[in-house]
């Protein structure tokens, strides 16, 4: 059970991480998207965590990346348009900053 508090509780962030890492079987995408969007509706402040995770998994040549893009779109339209755009932008910046800081993946991303 996720609590609607800002900032999110550490335990809630762990729950979101565990759900995001869940390995989907063939027919589970719909329910997975429903769970993620329900969490974001309940606790919009985790949207950046969701976006950043999904962006980091972005190799469009594999099927799970296409699923991640589907989830990203669903989360985006769940949020208010202005909040969705700002949150997605901040996620991209956070991801790029992390990649540059680490340095190991920068060439792979470009």
N, C-alpha and C. Protein backbone atom coordinates (compact mmCIF):
# COMPACT_ATOMS: atom_id res chain seq x y z
N UNK A 1 0.84 -1.17 0.00
CA UNK A 1 0.00 0.00 0.00
C UNK A 1 0.89 1.24 0.00
N UNK A 2 0.74 2.07 -1.02
CA UNK A 2 1.55 3.28 -1.16
C UNK A 2 0.79 4.45 -0.56
N UNK A 3 1.50 5.25 0.25
CA UNK A 3 0.88 6.39 0.90
C UNK A 3 1.09 7.66 0.08
N UNK A 4 0.06 8.50 0.06
CA UNK A 4 0.12 9.74 -0.69
C UNK A 4 0.76 10.84 0.16
N UNK A 5 2.08 10.87 0.16
CA UNK A 5 2.84 11.89 0.87
C UNK A 5 3.93 12.43 -0.05
N UNK A 6 4.31 13.67 0.19
CA UNK A 6 5.35 14.28 -0.63
C UNK A 6 6.41 14.85 0.29
N UNK A 7 7.64 14.46 0.22
CA UNK A 7 8.18 13.48 -0.73
C UNK A 7 7.75 12.07 -0.36
N UNK A 8 7.83 11.17 -1.34
CA UNK A 8 7.42 9.78 -1.09
C UNK A 8 8.27 9.14 0.00
N UNK A 9 7.67 8.21 0.69
CA UNK A 9 8.40 7.46 1.70
C UNK A 9 9.42 6.54 1.03
N UNK A 10 10.50 6.28 1.72
CA UNK A 10 11.55 5.41 1.19
C UNK A 10 10.98 4.04 0.81
N UNK A 11 10.12 3.49 1.67
CA UNK A 11 9.53 2.18 1.38
C UNK A 11 8.69 2.22 0.11
N UNK A 12 8.00 3.32 -0.12
CA UNK A 12 7.20 3.46 -1.34
C UNK A 12 8.09 3.50 -2.58
N UNK A 13 9.22 4.20 -2.47
CA UNK A 13 10.16 4.25 -3.59
C UNK A 13 10.71 2.86 -3.90
N UNK A 14 10.97 2.08 -2.86
CA UNK A 14 11.44 0.71 -3.06
C UNK A 14 10.39 -0.14 -3.75
N UNK A 15 9.14 0.03 -3.36
CA UNK A 15 8.04 -0.71 -3.99
C UNK A 15 7.99 -0.37 -5.48
N UNK A 16 8.08 0.92 -5.81
CA UNK A 16 8.05 1.34 -7.21
C UNK A 16 9.23 0.73 -7.96
N UNK A 17 10.42 0.77 -7.38
CA UNK A 17 11.59 0.15 -8.02
C UNK A 17 11.37 -1.33 -8.29
N UNK A 18 10.83 -2.03 -7.32
CA UNK A 18 10.59 -3.47 -7.48
C UNK A 18 9.57 -3.74 -8.59
N UNK A 19 8.53 -2.93 -8.65
CA UNK A 19 7.54 -3.10 -9.71
C UNK A 19 8.15 -2.82 -11.07
N UNK A 20 8.95 -1.76 -11.16
CA UNK A 20 9.59 -1.43 -12.43
C UNK A 20 10.53 -2.52 -12.91
N UNK A 21 11.18 -3.22 -12.01
CA UNK A 21 12.13 -4.28 -12.37
C UNK A 21 11.45 -5.62 -12.67
N UNK A 22 10.17 -5.68 -12.48
CA UNK A 22 9.43 -6.92 -12.69
C UNK A 22 9.60 -7.41 -14.13
N UNK A 23 9.91 -8.66 -14.29
CA UNK A 23 10.09 -9.26 -15.62
C UNK A 23 8.73 -9.73 -16.13
N UNK A 24 8.28 -9.09 -17.21
CA UNK A 24 6.95 -9.39 -17.74
C UNK A 24 6.94 -10.65 -18.58
N UNK A 25 5.86 -11.37 -18.45
CA UNK A 25 5.60 -12.51 -19.34
C UNK A 25 4.76 -11.96 -20.50
N UNK A 26 4.51 -12.78 -21.48
CA UNK A 26 3.91 -12.34 -22.74
C UNK A 26 2.64 -11.49 -22.60
N UNK A 27 1.74 -11.86 -21.75
CA UNK A 27 0.44 -11.19 -21.71
C UNK A 27 0.25 -10.28 -20.50
N UNK A 28 1.30 -9.85 -19.85
CA UNK A 28 1.17 -9.09 -18.60
C UNK A 28 1.33 -7.58 -18.75
N UNK A 29 1.60 -7.10 -19.94
CA UNK A 29 1.88 -5.68 -20.13
C UNK A 29 0.69 -4.81 -19.70
N UNK A 30 -0.50 -5.18 -20.05
CA UNK A 30 -1.68 -4.38 -19.73
C UNK A 30 -1.85 -4.16 -18.23
N UNK A 31 -1.75 -5.22 -17.46
CA UNK A 31 -1.92 -5.10 -16.01
C UNK A 31 -0.74 -4.35 -15.39
N UNK A 32 0.44 -4.54 -15.94
CA UNK A 32 1.64 -3.83 -15.48
C UNK A 32 1.45 -2.33 -15.68
N UNK A 33 1.00 -1.93 -16.86
CA UNK A 33 0.75 -0.51 -17.15
C UNK A 33 -0.30 0.04 -16.19
N UNK A 34 -1.34 -0.74 -15.96
CA UNK A 34 -2.39 -0.32 -15.04
C UNK A 34 -1.85 -0.08 -13.63
N UNK A 35 -0.99 -0.98 -13.17
CA UNK A 35 -0.39 -0.82 -11.83
C UNK A 35 0.48 0.44 -11.76
N UNK A 36 1.32 0.62 -12.75
CA UNK A 36 2.22 1.78 -12.75
C UNK A 36 1.43 3.09 -12.82
N UNK A 37 0.44 3.15 -13.70
CA UNK A 37 -0.33 4.40 -13.81
C UNK A 37 -1.16 4.66 -12.56
N UNK A 38 -1.64 3.63 -11.91
CA UNK A 38 -2.38 3.80 -10.65
C UNK A 38 -1.47 4.38 -9.58
N UNK A 39 -0.24 3.89 -9.52
CA UNK A 39 0.72 4.41 -8.55
C UNK A 39 1.01 5.88 -8.84
N UNK A 40 1.21 6.22 -10.11
CA UNK A 40 1.52 7.61 -10.46
C UNK A 40 0.33 8.52 -10.19
N UNK A 41 -0.89 8.03 -10.40
CA UNK A 41 -2.08 8.83 -10.08
C UNK A 41 -2.15 9.08 -8.57
N UNK A 42 -1.81 8.06 -7.79
CA UNK A 42 -1.86 8.17 -6.34
C UNK A 42 -0.73 9.04 -5.81
N UNK A 43 0.44 8.89 -6.41
CA UNK A 43 1.63 9.58 -5.92
C UNK A 43 2.42 10.14 -7.12
N UNK A 44 1.96 11.26 -7.67
CA UNK A 44 2.60 11.81 -8.87
C UNK A 44 4.09 12.09 -8.74
N UNK A 45 4.58 12.26 -7.51
CA UNK A 45 5.99 12.57 -7.33
C UNK A 45 6.91 11.41 -7.70
N UNK A 46 6.39 10.22 -7.90
CA UNK A 46 7.24 9.10 -8.32
C UNK A 46 7.36 9.03 -9.84
N UNK A 47 6.67 9.91 -10.55
CA UNK A 47 6.73 9.88 -12.02
C UNK A 47 8.15 10.04 -12.53
N UNK A 48 8.93 10.92 -11.90
CA UNK A 48 10.32 11.10 -12.36
C UNK A 48 11.11 9.81 -12.20
N UNK A 49 10.89 9.11 -11.10
CA UNK A 49 11.56 7.82 -10.88
C UNK A 49 11.17 6.84 -11.99
N UNK A 50 9.91 6.81 -12.34
CA UNK A 50 9.41 5.90 -13.38
C UNK A 50 10.01 6.29 -14.73
N UNK A 51 9.92 7.58 -15.09
CA UNK A 51 10.47 8.03 -16.37
C UNK A 51 11.97 7.74 -16.47
N UNK A 52 12.71 8.06 -15.43
CA UNK A 52 14.16 7.86 -15.47
C UNK A 52 14.50 6.39 -15.64
N UNK A 53 13.80 5.53 -14.94
CA UNK A 53 14.03 4.09 -15.08
C UNK A 53 13.75 3.65 -16.52
N UNK A 54 12.61 4.06 -17.06
CA UNK A 54 12.23 3.63 -18.41
C UNK A 54 13.19 4.16 -19.46
N UNK A 55 13.62 5.41 -19.31
CA UNK A 55 14.59 5.98 -20.25
C UNK A 55 15.90 5.21 -20.20
N UNK A 56 16.31 4.80 -19.03
CA UNK A 56 17.59 4.09 -18.89
C UNK A 56 17.57 2.73 -19.55
N UNK A 57 16.38 2.20 -19.83
CA UNK A 57 16.25 0.89 -20.46
C UNK A 57 15.99 1.01 -21.96
N UNK A 58 16.38 2.13 -22.57
CA UNK A 58 15.95 2.50 -23.92
C UNK A 58 16.67 1.96 -25.12
N UNK A 59 16.87 0.68 -25.26
CA UNK A 59 17.40 0.11 -26.51
C UNK A 59 16.20 -0.36 -27.32
N UNK A 60 15.79 0.44 -28.31
CA UNK A 60 14.56 0.15 -29.04
C UNK A 60 14.63 -1.10 -29.91
N UNK A 61 15.77 -1.76 -29.97
CA UNK A 61 15.88 -2.96 -30.79
C UNK A 61 15.32 -4.20 -30.10
N UNK A 62 15.02 -4.10 -28.79
CA UNK A 62 14.46 -5.28 -28.14
C UNK A 62 13.02 -5.05 -27.70
N UNK A 63 12.30 -6.11 -27.51
CA UNK A 63 10.87 -6.05 -27.21
C UNK A 63 10.58 -5.37 -25.87
N UNK A 64 11.39 -5.62 -24.85
CA UNK A 64 11.11 -5.01 -23.55
C UNK A 64 11.25 -3.49 -23.61
N UNK A 65 12.12 -2.97 -24.46
CA UNK A 65 12.24 -1.52 -24.62
C UNK A 65 10.97 -0.95 -25.24
N UNK A 66 10.37 -1.69 -26.16
CA UNK A 66 9.09 -1.25 -26.74
C UNK A 66 8.01 -1.24 -25.68
N UNK A 67 8.02 -2.23 -24.80
CA UNK A 67 7.08 -2.26 -23.68
C UNK A 67 7.32 -1.08 -22.76
N UNK A 68 8.59 -0.76 -22.51
CA UNK A 68 8.92 0.38 -21.64
C UNK A 68 8.42 1.69 -22.25
N UNK A 69 8.53 1.82 -23.56
CA UNK A 69 8.02 3.02 -24.23
C UNK A 69 6.50 3.11 -24.08
N UNK A 70 5.84 1.98 -24.18
CA UNK A 70 4.38 1.93 -23.97
C UNK A 70 4.03 2.40 -22.55
N UNK A 71 4.78 1.94 -21.56
CA UNK A 71 4.55 2.35 -20.17
C UNK A 71 4.84 3.84 -20.01
N UNK A 72 5.93 4.32 -20.60
CA UNK A 72 6.28 5.73 -20.52
C UNK A 72 5.15 6.60 -21.07
N UNK A 73 4.61 6.22 -22.21
CA UNK A 73 3.49 6.97 -22.80
C UNK A 73 2.29 6.97 -21.87
N UNK A 74 1.97 5.81 -21.30
CA UNK A 74 0.81 5.70 -20.41
C UNK A 74 0.98 6.57 -19.17
N UNK A 75 2.17 6.59 -18.61
CA UNK A 75 2.43 7.42 -17.43
C UNK A 75 2.35 8.89 -17.83
N UNK A 76 2.89 9.23 -18.96
CA UNK A 76 2.88 10.62 -19.43
C UNK A 76 1.45 11.15 -19.55
N UNK A 77 0.57 10.37 -20.16
CA UNK A 77 -0.81 10.85 -20.34
C UNK A 77 -1.63 10.78 -19.05
N UNK A 78 -1.12 10.08 -18.05
CA UNK A 78 -1.78 10.02 -16.75
C UNK A 78 -1.64 11.33 -16.00
N UNK A 79 -0.54 12.01 -16.22
CA UNK A 79 -0.24 13.25 -15.52
C UNK A 79 -0.84 14.46 -16.22
N UNK A 80 -0.97 15.54 -15.48
CA UNK A 80 -1.32 16.83 -16.07
C UNK A 80 -0.27 17.16 -17.13
N UNK A 81 -0.68 17.73 -18.28
CA UNK A 81 0.24 17.95 -19.40
C UNK A 81 1.49 18.74 -19.01
N UNK A 82 1.30 19.79 -18.26
CA UNK A 82 2.45 20.63 -17.87
C UNK A 82 3.38 19.86 -16.94
N UNK A 83 2.81 19.17 -15.96
CA UNK A 83 3.62 18.38 -15.04
C UNK A 83 4.32 17.24 -15.76
N UNK A 84 3.61 16.60 -16.69
CA UNK A 84 4.20 15.49 -17.43
C UNK A 84 5.42 15.95 -18.23
N UNK A 85 5.29 17.07 -18.92
CA UNK A 85 6.40 17.59 -19.72
C UNK A 85 7.59 17.97 -18.85
N UNK A 86 7.33 18.66 -17.75
CA UNK A 86 8.41 19.08 -16.86
C UNK A 86 9.09 17.87 -16.21
N UNK A 87 8.29 16.90 -15.81
CA UNK A 87 8.85 15.71 -15.16
C UNK A 87 9.67 14.88 -16.14
N UNK A 88 9.16 14.70 -17.35
CA UNK A 88 9.91 13.95 -18.35
C UNK A 88 11.21 14.67 -18.69
N UNK A 89 11.15 15.97 -18.86
CA UNK A 89 12.37 16.74 -19.15
C UNK A 89 13.39 16.60 -18.02
N UNK A 90 12.94 16.69 -16.78
CA UNK A 90 13.87 16.57 -15.67
C UNK A 90 14.44 15.15 -15.58
N UNK A 91 13.67 14.17 -15.98
CA UNK A 91 14.16 12.78 -16.00
C UNK A 91 15.25 12.60 -17.05
N UNK A 92 15.04 13.20 -18.20
CA UNK A 92 16.04 13.11 -19.27
C UNK A 92 17.33 13.79 -18.83
N UNK A 93 17.20 14.96 -18.22
CA UNK A 93 18.38 15.68 -17.73
C UNK A 93 19.09 14.88 -16.64
N UNK A 94 18.32 14.30 -15.72
CA UNK A 94 18.91 13.50 -14.64
C UNK A 94 19.63 12.29 -15.21
N UNK A 95 19.01 11.63 -16.17
CA UNK A 95 19.63 10.45 -16.79
C UNK A 95 20.90 10.85 -17.52
N UNK A 96 20.84 11.89 -18.31
CA UNK A 96 22.02 12.33 -19.06
C UNK A 96 23.14 12.77 -18.11
N UNK A 97 22.78 13.45 -17.03
CA UNK A 97 23.79 13.87 -16.05
C UNK A 97 24.45 12.66 -15.40
N UNK A 98 23.65 11.65 -15.10
CA UNK A 98 24.19 10.43 -14.50
C UNK A 98 25.12 9.72 -15.47
N UNK A 99 24.72 9.66 -16.73
CA UNK A 99 25.55 9.00 -17.75
C UNK A 99 26.85 9.76 -17.94
N UNK A 100 26.79 11.08 -18.00
CA UNK A 100 28.01 11.88 -18.15
C UNK A 100 28.89 11.73 -16.92
N UNK A 101 28.28 11.75 -15.74
CA UNK A 101 29.03 11.61 -14.50
C UNK A 101 29.73 10.28 -14.40
N UNK A 102 29.04 9.23 -14.82
CA UNK A 102 29.63 7.90 -14.79
C UNK A 102 30.61 7.75 -15.93
N UNK A 103 30.25 8.29 -17.09
CA UNK A 103 31.14 8.27 -18.23
C UNK A 103 31.18 6.95 -18.98
N UNK A 104 30.74 5.88 -18.38
CA UNK A 104 30.91 4.57 -19.02
C UNK A 104 29.88 4.31 -20.11
N UNK A 105 28.70 4.91 -20.01
CA UNK A 105 27.66 4.60 -20.97
C UNK A 105 27.46 5.72 -22.00
N UNK A 106 28.10 6.83 -21.84
CA UNK A 106 27.85 7.98 -22.70
C UNK A 106 27.94 7.63 -24.18
N UNK A 107 28.98 6.94 -24.59
CA UNK A 107 29.14 6.61 -26.01
C UNK A 107 28.07 5.62 -26.47
N UNK A 108 27.63 4.74 -25.58
CA UNK A 108 26.59 3.79 -25.93
C UNK A 108 25.26 4.50 -26.17
N UNK A 109 24.99 5.56 -25.44
CA UNK A 109 23.72 6.27 -25.53
C UNK A 109 23.70 7.12 -26.80
N UNK A 110 24.82 7.71 -27.15
CA UNK A 110 24.88 8.60 -28.32
C UNK A 110 24.86 7.85 -29.61
